[in-house]
Amino acid sequence: MASDTVPVPALPQDQALDHLSELADKARAYARNAKAENTQRAYAADWRHYSAWCMRRGVSPLPPDPQAIGLYLADLASETSAVGRRSRSAATVERRLSGLAWTVRQRGYPLDRSDRHIKEVLAGIRRSHGRPPVQKEALLAADLLRMLGCLGSDLRGVRDRAILLLGFAGGLRRSEIVGLDHGAEETADGRGWVEVLEGGLVLHIRGKTGWREVEVGPGSTPLRCPVAALKSWMELGRIAHGPLFRRIARDGKRTLSDRLSDKHVARLVQATALAASIRGDLPEGERRHCFAGHSLRAGLATAAEAEERFVQRHLGHTSAEMTRRYQRRRDRFRINLTQAAGL
């Protein structure tokens, strides 16, 4: 009786090795894409910092030694500089640990973060240096309109107007804004694309928690409408394929082909907030540090008069608690459990 299985011809050894090598290259590429570019850059910096610390103290960074890592964390929390002692926050220390732990795993070494040399030192740092995270100011709709008034009417102003309005209305991270393409799968480095529909925009975003769709409706007037602003930019900038937001030539009259850096969004928010005198009660040096790209995202979460679950889905948060962190000026005492309990 004939067998139900079909024999597979064996590959020569050199071809099999070449095939496995190609798969290994693809696997490494997929592993790199598991983290956002900004996260990868931060983790690479964390690893360089730890490696330099090990080199100065005659310790080998690999294989990882939990006791050495515990000493490194303690040193981080009480690091001295030329101008005196300065303590790093617990959040910074934990970020450093996450960066080197991820790098160590990528190089094939296990690292047990629950080891007592790491766990107990980290717990002590949290107790000594733990504090609430420093958050950027939320930019509300009124603030945004003042900032838009500081932009020019040239090509660069049209582009930046679309960036600010879309970033606010979409509740987008700065990397998500500049990562948008004109259409699906048009670039290798794109993080999503925009779909222009009759009723508004649908943004297909690949964020930290995976893909999500963000619906952006029209504004109440053309001057405050993200849909109209984006259409104007696409028409004047002649964006028909590839990156949506791009650099502009020095003469200010031509759109170039390369994608904007996400740092442009942070600088744009800071510059226009300063020009519009947002938080004018503060000195300019402090005001500059109050605003960044996340100010747009926090502004939408704070200002949106909608049920929390809709805001959470719009921002792509996995928990309501994360959404509440973005609501800088929410009505904290709308529900009074003290009186509800009978006092």
C-alpha atoms as a PDB file:
ATOM      1  CA  MET A   1       0.000   0.000   0.000  1.00  0.00           C
ATOM      2  CA  ALA A   2       1.302   3.417  -0.879  1.00  0.00           C
ATOM      3  CA  SER A   3       2.263   5.615   2.017  1.00  0.00           C
ATOM      4  CA  ASP A   4       0.138   8.684   2.812  1.00  0.00           C
ATOM      5  CA  THR A   5       3.254  10.761   3.447  1.00  0.00           C
ATOM      6  CA  VAL A   6       5.213  12.421   0.685  1.00  0.00           C
ATOM      7  CA  PRO A   7       8.975  12.264   1.190  1.00  0.00           C
ATOM      8  CA  VAL A   8      10.718  15.655   1.275  1.00  0.00           C
ATOM      9  CA  PRO A   9      14.038  15.728  -0.557  1.00  0.00           C
ATOM     10  CA  ALA A  10      16.907  16.562   1.765  1.00  0.00           C
ATOM     11  CA  LEU A  11      18.824  19.764   1.103  1.00  0.00           C
ATOM     12  CA  PRO A  12      22.579  19.691   0.824  1.00  0.00           C
ATOM     13  CA  GLN A  13      24.204  20.767   4.081  1.00  0.00           C
ATOM     14  CA  ASP A  14      25.554  24.080   2.735  1.00  0.00           C
ATOM     15  CA  GLN A  15      22.129  25.051   1.348  1.00  0.00           C
ATOM     16  CA  ALA A  16      20.458  24.126   4.638  1.00  0.00           C
ATOM     17  CA  LEU A  17      22.936  26.294   6.551  1.00  0.00           C
ATOM     18  CA  ASP A  18      22.372  29.213   4.162  1.00  0.00           C
ATOM     19  CA  HIS A  19      18.618  28.858   4.614  1.00  0.00           C
ATOM     20  CA  LEU A  20      18.936  28.831   8.409  1.00  0.00           C
ATOM     21  CA  SER A  21      21.215  31.863   8.246  1.00  0.00           C
ATOM     22  CA  GLU A  22      18.605  33.777   6.245  1.00  0.00           C
ATOM     23  CA  LEU A  23      15.911  32.813   8.759  1.00  0.00           C
ATOM     24  CA  ALA A  24      18.161  33.944  11.610  1.00  0.00           C
ATOM     25  CA  ASP A  25      18.605  37.344   9.932  1.00  0.00           C
ATOM     26  CA  LYS A  26      14.828  37.653   9.547  1.00  0.00           C
ATOM     27  CA  ALA A  27      14.282  36.621  13.166  1.00  0.00           C
ATOM     28  CA  ARG A  28      16.731  39.277  14.364  1.00  0.00           C
ATOM     29  CA  ALA A  29      14.957  41.890  12.234  1.00  0.00           C
ATOM     30  CA  TYR A  30      11.584  40.943  13.715  1.00  0.00           C
ATOM     31  CA  ALA A  31      13.068  41.028  17.228  1.00  0.00           C
ATOM     32  CA  ARG A  32      14.389  44.548  16.605  1.00  0.00           C
ATOM     33  CA  ASN A  33      10.950  45.665  15.460  1.00  0.00           C
ATOM     34  CA  ALA A  34       9.396  44.383  18.681  1.00  0.00           C
ATOM     35  CA  LYS A  35      10.435  47.663  20.307  1.00  0.00           C
ATOM     36  CA  ALA A  36       9.835  51.184  19.015  1.00  0.00           C
ATOM     37  CA  GLU A  37      12.864  53.005  17.596  1.00  0.00           C
ATOM     38  CA  ASN A  38      12.940  55.476  20.488  1.00  0.00           C
ATOM     39  CA  THR A  39      12.876  52.584  22.965  1.00  0.00           C
ATOM     40  CA  GLN A  40      15.680  50.819  21.119  1.00  0.00           C
ATOM     41  CA  ARG A  41      17.810  53.980  21.168  1.00  0.00           C
ATOM     42  CA  ALA A  42      17.169  54.406  24.897  1.00  0.00           C
ATOM     43  CA  TYR A  43      18.014  50.752  25.615  1.00  0.00           C
ATOM     44  CA  ALA A  44      21.209  51.015  23.552  1.00  0.00           C
ATOM     45  CA  ALA A  45      22.223  54.072  25.600  1.00  0.00           C
ATOM     46  CA  ASP A  46      21.449  52.156  28.826  1.00  0.00           C
ATOM     47  CA  TRP A  47      23.675  49.293  27.734  1.00  0.00           C
ATOM     48  CA  ARG A  48      26.547  51.642  26.837  1.00  0.00           C
ATOM     49  CA  HIS A  49      26.226  53.289  30.229  1.00  0.00           C
ATOM     50  CA  TYR A  50      26.344  49.951  32.061  1.00  0.00           C
ATOM     51  CA  SER A  51      29.223  48.652  29.942  1.00  0.00           C
ATOM     52  CA  ALA A  52      31.238  51.795  30.668  1.00  0.00           C
ATOM     53  CA  TRP A  53      30.501  51.420  34.393  1.00  0.00           C
ATOM     54  CA  CYS A  54      31.726  47.805  34.282  1.00  0.00           C
ATOM     55  CA  MET A  55      34.861  48.791  32.390  1.00  0.00           C
ATOM     56  CA  ARG A  56      35.785  51.460  34.952  1.00  0.00           C
ATOM     57  CA  ARG A  57      35.450  48.924  37.762  1.00  0.00           C
ATOM     58  CA  GLY A  58      37.063  45.957  36.057  1.00  0.00           C
ATOM     59  CA  VAL A  59      33.832  43.948  35.848  1.00  0.00           C
ATOM     60  CA  SER A  60      32.708  41.975  32.804  1.00  0.00           C
ATOM     61  CA  PRO A  61      29.176  42.968  31.673  1.00  0.00           C
ATOM     62  CA  LEU A  62      28.539  39.478  30.259  1.00  0.00           C
ATOM     63  CA  PRO A  63      27.436  37.054  31.471  1.00  0.00           C
ATOM     64  CA  PRO A  64      25.295  39.242  33.754  1.00  0.00           C
ATOM     65  CA  ASP A  65      26.140  39.126  37.461  1.00  0.00           C
ATOM     66  CA  PRO A  66      23.117  40.049  39.660  1.00  0.00           C
ATOM     67  CA  GLN A  67      25.415  41.273  42.425  1.00  0.00           C
ATOM     68  CA  ALA A  68      27.257  43.596  40.017  1.00  0.00           C
ATOM     69  CA  ILE A  69      23.945  44.865  38.659  1.00  0.00           C
ATOM     70  CA  GLY A  70      22.747  45.564  42.202  1.00  0.00           C
ATOM     71  CA  LEU A  71      25.885  47.615  42.850  1.00  0.00           C
ATOM     72  CA  TYR A  72      25.341  49.454  39.569  1.00  0.00           C
ATOM     73  CA  LEU A  73      21.776  50.364  40.539  1.00  0.00           C
ATOM     74  CA  ALA A  74      22.929  51.605  43.941  1.00  0.00           C
ATOM     75  CA  ASP A  75      25.604  53.702  42.263  1.00  0.00           C
ATOM     76  CA  LEU A  76      23.031  55.138  39.861  1.00  0.00           C
ATOM     77  CA  ALA A  77      20.741  56.223  42.702  1.00  0.00           C
ATOM     78  CA  SER A  78      23.537  58.097  44.469  1.00  0.00           C
ATOM     79  CA  GLU A  79      25.720  59.153  41.566  1.00  0.00           C
ATOM     80  CA  THR A  80      28.093  62.069  42.177  1.00  0.00           C
ATOM     81  CA  SER A  81      29.011  64.737  39.651  1.00  0.00           C
ATOM     82  CA  ALA A  82      31.580  67.523  39.500  1.00  0.00           C
ATOM     83  CA  VAL A  83      29.130  69.942  41.127  1.00  0.00           C
ATOM     84  CA  GLY A  84      28.158  67.649  43.980  1.00  0.00           C
ATOM     85  CA  ARG A  85      25.844  64.737  44.757  1.00  0.00           C
ATOM     86  CA  ARG A  86      22.706  64.258  42.727  1.00  0.00           C
ATOM     87  CA  SER A  87      20.277  61.374  43.157  1.00  0.00           C
ATOM     88  CA  ARG A  88      18.610  59.822  40.137  1.00  0.00           C
ATOM     89  CA  SER A  89      14.892  59.142  40.360  1.00  0.00           C
ATOM     90  CA  ALA A  90      13.657  55.622  40.931  1.00  0.00           C
ATOM     91  CA  ALA A  91      11.954  55.733  37.520  1.00  0.00           C
ATOM     92  CA  THR A  92      15.270  56.470  35.802  1.00  0.00           C
ATOM     93  CA  VAL A  93      17.003  53.632  37.649  1.00  0.00           C
ATOM     94  CA  GLU A  94      14.227  51.207  36.686  1.00  0.00           C
ATOM     95  CA  ARG A  95      14.428  52.346  33.067  1.00  0.00           C
ATOM     96  CA  ARG A  96      18.171  51.644  33.061  1.00  0.00           C
ATOM     97  CA  LEU A  97      17.531  48.180  34.464  1.00  0.00           C
ATOM     98  CA  SER A  98      14.893  47.450  31.808  1.00  0.00           C
ATOM     99  CA  GLY A  99      17.298  48.534  29.077  1.00  0.00           C
ATOM    100  CA  LEU A 100      20.181  46.345  30.150  1.00  0.00           C
ATOM    101  CA  ALA A 101      17.876  43.397  30.945  1.00  0.00           C
ATOM    102  CA  TRP A 102      16.410  43.547  27.421  1.00  0.00           C
ATOM    103  CA  THR A 103      19.881  43.770  25.853  1.00  0.00           C
ATOM    104  CA  VAL A 104      21.172  40.869  27.923  1.00  0.00           C
ATOM    105  CA  ARG A 105      18.254  38.679  26.830  1.00  0.00           C
ATOM    106  CA  GLN A 106      18.831  39.616  23.198  1.00  0.00           C
ATOM    107  CA  ARG A 107      22.397  38.345  23.562  1.00  0.00           C
ATOM    108  CA  GLY A 108      21.210  34.993  24.858  1.00  0.00           C
ATOM    109  CA  TYR A 109      21.819  35.342  28.597  1.00  0.00           C
ATOM    110  CA  PRO A 110      19.116  34.899  31.269  1.00  0.00           C
ATOM    111  CA  LEU A 111      18.691  37.594  33.893  1.00  0.00           C
ATOM    112  CA  ASP A 112      16.559  37.032  36.975  1.00  0.00           C
ATOM    113  CA  ARG A 113      15.322  40.451  38.100  1.00  0.00           C
ATOM    114  CA  SER A 114      13.856  38.814  41.216  1.00  0.00           C
ATOM    115  CA  ASP A 115      17.339  37.899  42.439  1.00  0.00           C
ATOM    116  CA  ARG A 116      17.766  39.388  45.913  1.00  0.00           C
ATOM    117  CA  HIS A 117      20.832  41.417  44.876  1.00  0.00           C
ATOM    118  CA  ILE A 118      18.650  43.258  42.369  1.00  0.00           C
ATOM    119  CA  LYS A 119      15.185  43.100  43.926  1.00  0.00           C
ATOM    120  CA  GLU A 120      16.115  44.348  47.398  1.00  0.00           C
ATOM    121  CA  VAL A 121      18.330  47.162  46.132  1.00  0.00           C
ATOM    122  CA  LEU A 122      15.601  48.310  43.768  1.00  0.00           C
ATOM    123  CA  ALA A 123      12.995  48.231  46.548  1.00  0.00           C
ATOM    124  CA  GLY A 124      15.236  50.405  48.707  1.00  0.00           C
ATOM    125  CA  ILE A 125      15.721  52.880  45.870  1.00  0.00           C
ATOM    126  CA  ARG A 126      11.966  53.131  45.362  1.00  0.00           C
ATOM    127  CA  ARG A 127      11.460  53.912  49.061  1.00  0.00           C
ATOM    128  CA  SER A 128      14.265  56.481  49.144  1.00  0.00           C
ATOM    129  CA  HIS A 129      13.882  58.183  45.766  1.00  0.00           C
ATOM    130  CA  GLY A 130      10.401  57.291  44.554  1.00  0.00           C
ATOM    131  CA  ARG A 131       8.198  60.231  43.582  1.00  0.00           C
ATOM    132  CA  PRO A 132       5.329  60.878  41.163  1.00  0.00           C
ATOM    133  CA  PRO A 133       6.467  61.199  37.543  1.00  0.00           C
ATOM    134  CA  VAL A 134       7.004  64.712  36.194  1.00  0.00           C
ATOM    135  CA  GLN A 135       4.335  65.286  33.580  1.00  0.00           C
ATOM    136  CA  LYS A 136       4.209  67.778  30.741  1.00  0.00           C
ATOM    137  CA  GLU A 137       1.512  70.423  30.711  1.00  0.00           C
ATOM    138  CA  ALA A 138      -1.656  69.610  28.819  1.00  0.00           C
ATOM    139  CA  LEU A 139      -2.476  71.981  25.957  1.00  0.00           C
ATOM    140  CA  LEU A 140      -6.202  72.593  25.760  1.00  0.00           C
ATOM    141  CA  ALA A 141      -8.173  73.712  22.706  1.00  0.00           C
ATOM    142  CA  ALA A 142      -7.927  77.404  23.612  1.00  0.00           C
ATOM    143  CA  ASP A 143      -4.151  77.073  23.996  1.00  0.00           C
ATOM    144  CA  LEU A 144      -3.876  75.295  20.670  1.00  0.00           C
ATOM    145  CA  LEU A 145      -5.812  78.012  18.833  1.00  0.00           C
ATOM    146  CA  ARG A 146      -3.437  80.660  20.200  1.00  0.00           C
ATOM    147  CA  MET A 147      -0.474  78.562  19.055  1.00  0.00           C
ATOM    148  CA  LEU A 148      -1.942  78.167  15.569  1.00  0.00           C
ATOM    149  CA  GLY A 149      -2.153  81.966  15.333  1.00  0.00           C
ATOM    150  CA  CYS A 150       1.639  82.123  15.656  1.00  0.00           C
ATOM    151  CA  LEU A 151       2.222  80.071  12.484  1.00  0.00           C
ATOM    152  CA  GLY A 152       2.854  81.610   9.072  1.00  0.00           C
ATOM    153  CA  SER A 153       0.787  81.096   5.939  1.00  0.00           C
ATOM    154  CA  ASP A 154       3.663  79.658   3.922  1.00  0.00           C
ATOM    155  CA  LEU A 155       4.232  75.978   3.125  1.00  0.00           C
ATOM    156  CA  ARG A 156       5.988  75.326   6.429  1.00  0.00           C
ATOM    157  CA  GLY A 157       3.153  76.975   8.352  1.00  0.00           C
ATOM    158  CA  VAL A 158       0.539  74.890   6.523  1.00  0.00           C
ATOM    159  CA  ARG A 159       2.431  71.700   7.378  1.00  0.00           C
ATOM    160  CA  ASP A 160       2.935  72.599  11.045  1.00  0.00           C
ATOM    161  CA  ARG A 161      -0.709  73.614  11.384  1.00  0.00           C
ATOM    162  CA  ALA A 162      -1.746  70.147  10.183  1.00  0.00           C
ATOM    163  CA  ILE A 163       0.713  68.514  12.595  1.00  0.00           C
ATOM    164  CA  LEU A 164      -0.618  70.372  15.638  1.00  0.00           C
ATOM    165  CA  LEU A 165      -4.294  69.896  14.809  1.00  0.00           C
ATOM    166  CA  LEU A 166      -3.946  66.236  13.852  1.00  0.00           C
ATOM    167  CA  GLY A 167      -1.728  65.473  16.844  1.00  0.00           C
ATOM    168  CA  PHE A 168      -4.273  67.037  19.198  1.00  0.00           C
ATOM    169  CA  ALA A 169      -7.466  65.664  17.616  1.00  0.00           C
ATOM    170  CA  GLY A 170      -5.955  62.195  17.179  1.00  0.00           C
ATOM    171  CA  GLY A 171      -4.352  62.118  20.632  1.00  0.00           C
ATOM    172  CA  LEU A 172      -1.194  60.903  18.919  1.00  0.00           C
ATOM    173  CA  ARG A 173       2.322  60.362  20.155  1.00  0.00           C
ATOM    174  CA  ARG A 174       4.923  62.359  18.249  1.00  0.00           C
ATOM    175  CA  SER A 175       6.359  59.191  16.677  1.00  0.00           C
ATOM    176  CA  GLU A 176       2.857  58.257  15.497  1.00  0.00           C
ATOM    177  CA  ILE A 177       2.377  61.674  13.872  1.00  0.00           C
ATOM    178  CA  VAL A 178       5.551  61.641  11.804  1.00  0.00           C
ATOM    179  CA  GLY A 179       5.234  57.881  11.158  1.00  0.00           C
ATOM    180  CA  LEU A 180       2.059  58.320   9.099  1.00  0.00           C
ATOM    181  CA  ASP A 181       2.118  57.592   5.370  1.00  0.00           C
ATOM    182  CA  HIS A 182      -0.193  58.776   2.617  1.00  0.00           C
ATOM    183  CA  GLY A 183      -1.439  55.219   2.053  1.00  0.00           C
ATOM    184  CA  ALA A 184      -1.035  51.668   3.283  1.00  0.00           C
ATOM    185  CA  GLU A 185       2.329  49.900   2.929  1.00  0.00           C
ATOM    186  CA  GLU A 186       3.948  52.717   0.971  1.00  0.00           C
ATOM    187  CA  THR A 187       7.185  52.839   3.011  1.00  0.00           C
ATOM    188  CA  ALA A 188       9.230  50.374   5.024  1.00  0.00           C
ATOM    189  CA  ASP A 189       9.540  52.638   8.071  1.00  0.00           C
ATOM    190  CA  GLY A 190       5.914  53.818   8.222  1.00  0.00           C
ATOM    191  CA  ARG A 191       3.913  53.397  11.413  1.00  0.00           C
ATOM    192  CA  GLY A 192       0.496  53.803   9.814  1.00  0.00           C
ATOM    193  CA  TRP A 193      -1.452  55.640   7.169  1.00  0.00           C
ATOM    194  CA  VAL A 194      -4.344  58.041   6.739  1.00  0.00           C
ATOM    195  CA  GLU A 195      -7.641  57.325   5.032  1.00  0.00           C
ATOM    196  CA  VAL A 196      -9.607  60.383   3.902  1.00  0.00           C
ATOM    197  CA  LEU A 197     -13.352  59.728   3.974  1.00  0.00           C
ATOM    198  CA  GLU A 198     -16.367  61.932   3.392  1.00  0.00           C
ATOM    199  CA  GLY A 199     -17.068  62.357   7.098  1.00  0.00           C
ATOM    200  CA  GLY A 200     -13.488  62.796   8.286  1.00  0.00           C
ATOM    201  CA  LEU A 201     -10.229  60.890   8.661  1.00  0.00           C
ATOM    202  CA  VAL A 202      -9.434  57.361   9.773  1.00  0.00           C
ATOM    203  CA  LEU A 203      -5.883  56.943  10.996  1.00  0.00           C
ATOM    204  CA  HIS A 204      -4.492  53.414  10.998  1.00  0.00           C
ATOM    205  CA  ILE A 205      -1.847  53.546  13.731  1.00  0.00           C
ATOM    206  CA  ARG A 206       0.704  50.982  14.821  1.00  0.00           C
ATOM    207  CA  GLY A 207       1.327  52.054  18.410  1.00  0.00           C
ATOM    208  CA  LYS A 208       2.860  50.536  21.512  1.00  0.00           C
ATOM    209  CA  THR A 209      -0.066  48.167  22.038  1.00  0.00           C
ATOM    210  CA  GLY A 210      -0.519  47.125  18.412  1.00  0.00           C
ATOM    211  CA  TRP A 211      -2.701  48.430  15.592  1.00  0.00           C
ATOM    212  CA  ARG A 212      -5.656  50.697  16.255  1.00  0.00           C
ATOM    213  CA  GLU A 213      -7.981  52.888  14.218  1.00  0.00           C
ATOM    214  CA  VAL A 214      -8.368  56.524  15.234  1.00  0.00           C
ATOM    215  CA  GLU A 215     -11.324  58.471  13.889  1.00  0.00           C
ATOM    216  CA  VAL A 216     -10.762  62.221  13.492  1.00  0.00           C
ATOM    217  CA  GLY A 217     -13.854  64.249  12.718  1.00  0.00           C
ATOM    218  CA  PRO A 218     -14.055  67.781  11.319  1.00  0.00           C
ATOM    219  CA  GLY A 219     -13.787  70.852  13.552  1.00  0.00           C
ATOM    220  CA  SER A 220     -16.525  73.382  14.188  1.00  0.00           C
ATOM    221  CA  THR A 221     -14.902  75.934  11.828  1.00  0.00           C
ATOM    222  CA  PRO A 222     -12.374  75.635   8.971  1.00  0.00           C
ATOM    223  CA  LEU A 223      -9.711  77.411  11.053  1.00  0.00           C
ATOM    224  CA  ARG A 224      -9.823  74.752  13.769  1.00  0.00           C
ATOM    225  CA  CYS A 225     -10.507  71.707  11.577  1.00  0.00           C
ATOM    226  CA  PRO A 226      -7.812  68.970  11.483  1.00  0.00           C
ATOM    227  CA  VAL A 227      -9.424  67.427   8.392  1.00  0.00           C
ATOM    228  CA  ALA A 228      -9.262  70.684   6.406  1.00  0.00           C
ATOM    229  CA  ALA A 229      -5.709  71.358   7.645  1.00  0.00           C
ATOM    230  CA  LEU A 230      -4.465  67.954   6.519  1.00  0.00           C
ATOM    231  CA  LYS A 231      -6.154  68.237   3.122  1.00  0.00           C
ATOM    232  CA  SER A 232      -4.558  71.651   2.591  1.00  0.00           C
ATOM    233  CA  TRP A 233      -1.126  70.292   3.451  1.00  0.00           C
ATOM    234  CA  MET A 234      -1.500  67.258   1.179  1.00  0.00           C
ATOM    235  CA  GLU A 235      -2.577  69.506  -1.701  1.00  0.00           C
ATOM    236  CA  LEU A 236      -0.027  72.298  -1.289  1.00  0.00           C
ATOM    237  CA  GLY A 237       2.767  69.902  -0.331  1.00  0.00           C
ATOM    238  CA  ARG A 238       1.870  67.604  -3.233  1.00  0.00           C
ATOM    239  CA  ILE A 239       1.770  64.551  -0.993  1.00  0.00           C
ATOM    240  CA  ALA A 240       0.494  61.693  -3.144  1.00  0.00           C
ATOM    241  CA  HIS A 241       2.689  58.829  -1.924  1.00  0.00           C
ATOM    242  CA  GLY A 242       5.052  58.006   0.917  1.00  0.00           C
ATOM    243  CA  PRO A 243       5.621  59.888   4.191  1.00  0.00           C
ATOM    244  CA  LEU A 244       2.819  62.283   5.099  1.00  0.00           C
ATOM    245  CA  PHE A 245       4.869  64.880   6.980  1.00  0.00           C
ATOM    246  CA  ARG A 246       8.191  65.795   5.371  1.00  0.00           C
ATOM    247  CA  ARG A 247      10.985  68.285   5.500  1.00  0.00           C
ATOM    248  CA  ILE A 248      10.776  71.437   3.406  1.00  0.00           C
ATOM    249  CA  ALA A 249      13.573  72.893   1.311  1.00  0.00           C
ATOM    250  CA  ARG A 250      15.544  75.898   2.570  1.00  0.00           C
ATOM    251  CA  ASP A 251      13.758  78.214   0.174  1.00  0.00           C
ATOM    252  CA  GLY A 252      10.464  77.202   1.807  1.00  0.00           C
ATOM    253  CA  LYS A 253       8.827  76.452  -1.536  1.00  0.00           C
ATOM    254  CA  ARG A 254       9.476  72.750  -2.087  1.00  0.00           C
ATOM    255  CA  THR A 255       8.562  69.625  -0.150  1.00  0.00           C
ATOM    256  CA  LEU A 256      11.410  67.136   0.147  1.00  0.00           C
ATOM    257  CA  SER A 257      11.036  63.365   0.131  1.00  0.00           C
ATOM    258  CA  ASP A 258      12.447  62.467   3.546  1.00  0.00           C
ATOM    259  CA  ARG A 259      10.274  62.004   6.626  1.00  0.00           C
ATOM    260  CA  LEU A 260      10.286  64.488   9.495  1.00  0.00           C
ATOM    261  CA  SER A 261      11.957  63.468  12.748  1.00  0.00           C
ATOM    262  CA  ASP A 262       9.712  63.093  15.778  1.00  0.00           C
ATOM    263  CA  LYS A 263      11.890  65.716  17.476  1.00  0.00           C
ATOM    264  CA  HIS A 264      10.356  68.280  15.126  1.00  0.00           C
ATOM    265  CA  VAL A 265       6.988  67.786  16.851  1.00  0.00           C
ATOM    266  CA  ALA A 266       8.480  68.428  20.303  1.00  0.00           C
ATOM    267  CA  ARG A 267      10.329  71.528  19.091  1.00  0.00           C
ATOM    268  CA  LEU A 268       7.220  72.779  17.270  1.00  0.00           C
ATOM    269  CA  VAL A 269       5.028  72.433  20.371  1.00  0.00           C
ATOM    270  CA  GLN A 270       7.603  74.164  22.576  1.00  0.00           C
ATOM    271  CA  ALA A 271       8.250  77.018  20.137  1.00  0.00           C
ATOM    272  CA  THR A 272       4.606  77.809  19.442  1.00  0.00           C
ATOM    273  CA  ALA A 273       3.638  77.507  23.131  1.00  0.00           C
ATOM    274  CA  LEU A 274       6.341  80.045  23.992  1.00  0.00           C
ATOM    275  CA  ALA A 275       5.333  82.344  21.134  1.00  0.00           C
ATOM    276  CA  ALA A 276       1.685  82.209  22.247  1.00  0.00           C
ATOM    277  CA  SER A 277       2.678  82.955  25.875  1.00  0.00           C
ATOM    278  CA  ILE A 278       1.050  79.780  27.203  1.00  0.00           C
ATOM    279  CA  ARG A 279       1.698  79.685  30.961  1.00  0.00           C
ATOM    280  CA  GLY A 280       2.971  83.247  30.835  1.00  0.00           C
ATOM    281  CA  ASP A 281       3.005  83.289  34.636  1.00  0.00           C
ATOM    282  CA  LEU A 282       6.207  81.226  34.571  1.00  0.00           C
ATOM    283  CA  PRO A 283       9.745  82.307  33.624  1.00  0.00           C
ATOM    284  CA  GLU A 284      10.661  81.420  30.045  1.00  0.00           C
ATOM    285  CA  GLY A 285      13.170  78.768  31.130  1.00  0.00           C
ATOM    286  CA  GLU A 286      10.511  76.908  33.113  1.00  0.00           C
ATOM    287  CA  ARG A 287       7.885  77.345  30.407  1.00  0.00           C
ATOM    288  CA  ARG A 288      10.135  75.712  27.843  1.00  0.00           C
ATOM    289  CA  HIS A 289      10.299  72.547  29.927  1.00  0.00           C
ATOM    290  CA  CYS A 290       6.534  72.486  30.524  1.00  0.00           C
ATOM    291  CA  PHE A 291       5.635  71.467  26.975  1.00  0.00           C
ATOM    292  CA  ALA A 292       6.517  68.639  24.588  1.00  0.00           C
ATOM    293  CA  GLY A 293       4.867  66.428  22.015  1.00  0.00           C
ATOM    294  CA  HIS A 294       2.874  64.642  24.733  1.00  0.00           C
ATOM    295  CA  SER A 295       1.198  67.950  25.616  1.00  0.00           C
ATOM    296  CA  LEU A 296      -1.093  67.490  22.602  1.00  0.00           C
ATOM    297  CA  ARG A 297      -2.058  63.954  23.634  1.00  0.00           C
ATOM    298  CA  ALA A 298      -2.622  64.995  27.244  1.00  0.00           C
ATOM    299  CA  GLY A 299      -4.639  67.988  26.063  1.00  0.00           C
ATOM    300  CA  LEU A 300      -7.149  65.832  24.226  1.00  0.00           C
ATOM    301  CA  ALA A 301      -7.488  63.430  27.166  1.00  0.00           C
ATOM    302  CA  THR A 302      -8.054  66.359  29.531  1.00  0.00           C
ATOM    303  CA  ALA A 303     -10.409  68.441  27.400  1.00  0.00           C
ATOM    304  CA  ALA A 304     -12.559  65.770  25.716  1.00  0.00           C
ATOM    305  CA  GLU A 305     -16.096  65.816  27.117  1.00  0.00           C
ATOM    306  CA  ALA A 306     -16.707  62.118  26.521  1.00  0.00           C
ATOM    307  CA  GLU A 307     -16.982  58.900  28.476  1.00  0.00           C
ATOM    308  CA  GLU A 308     -13.656  57.683  29.732  1.00  0.00           C
ATOM    309  CA  ARG A 309     -13.883  54.403  27.823  1.00  0.00           C
ATOM    310  CA  PHE A 310     -14.069  56.280  24.512  1.00  0.00           C
ATOM    311  CA  VAL A 311     -11.033  58.386  25.390  1.00  0.00           C
ATOM    312  CA  GLN A 312      -9.166  55.247  26.469  1.00  0.00           C
ATOM    313  CA  ARG A 313      -9.870  53.515  23.162  1.00  0.00           C
ATOM    314  CA  HIS A 314      -8.964  56.649  21.176  1.00  0.00           C
ATOM    315  CA  LEU A 315      -5.579  56.904  22.889  1.00  0.00           C
ATOM    316  CA  GLY A 316      -4.931  53.168  22.639  1.00  0.00           C
ATOM    317  CA  HIS A 317      -4.496  52.642  26.375  1.00  0.00           C
ATOM    318  CA  THR A 318      -4.861  49.162  27.825  1.00  0.00           C
ATOM    319  CA  SER A 319      -6.197  50.446  31.167  1.00  0.00           C
ATOM    320  CA  ALA A 320      -8.386  53.271  32.413  1.00  0.00           C
ATOM    321  CA  GLU A 321      -5.722  54.120  34.989  1.00  0.00           C
ATOM    322  CA  MET A 322      -3.277  55.037  32.237  1.00  0.00           C
ATOM    323  CA  THR A 323      -5.895  57.291  30.633  1.00  0.00           C
ATOM    324  CA  ARG A 324      -6.442  59.069  33.963  1.00  0.00           C
ATOM    325  CA  ARG A 325      -2.744  59.902  34.127  1.00  0.00           C
ATOM    326  CA  TYR A 326      -3.227  61.963  30.974  1.00  0.00           C
ATOM    327  CA  GLN A 327      -6.235  63.846  32.342  1.00  0.00           C
ATOM    328  CA  ARG A 328      -4.310  66.679  33.982  1.00  0.00           C
ATOM    329  CA  ARG A 329      -7.284  68.783  35.114  1.00  0.00           C
ATOM    330  CA  ARG A 330     -10.116  66.293  35.416  1.00  0.00           C
ATOM    331  CA  ASP A 331     -12.899  66.848  37.971  1.00  0.00           C
ATOM    332  CA  ARG A 332     -11.415  64.823  40.820  1.00  0.00           C
ATOM    333  CA  PHE A 333     -14.299  65.246  43.293  1.00  0.00           C
ATOM    334  CA  ARG A 334     -17.263  64.762  40.981  1.00  0.00           C
ATOM    335  CA  ILE A 335     -17.931  61.484  42.822  1.00  0.00           C
ATOM    336  CA  ASN A 336     -17.676  62.079  46.587  1.00  0.00           C
ATOM    337  CA  LEU A 337     -17.337  58.689  48.286  1.00  0.00           C
ATOM    338  CA  THR A 338     -17.075  60.391  51.696  1.00  0.00           C
ATOM    339  CA  GLN A 339     -20.659  61.655  51.491  1.00  0.00           C
ATOM    340  CA  ALA A 340     -21.788  58.545  49.646  1.00  0.00           C
ATOM    341  CA  ALA A 341     -20.644  56.509  52.659  1.00  0.00           C
ATOM    342  CA  GLY A 342     -22.808  58.583  55.005  1.00  0.00           C
ATOM    343  CA  LEU A 343     -20.470  61.280  56.374  1.00  0.00           C
END
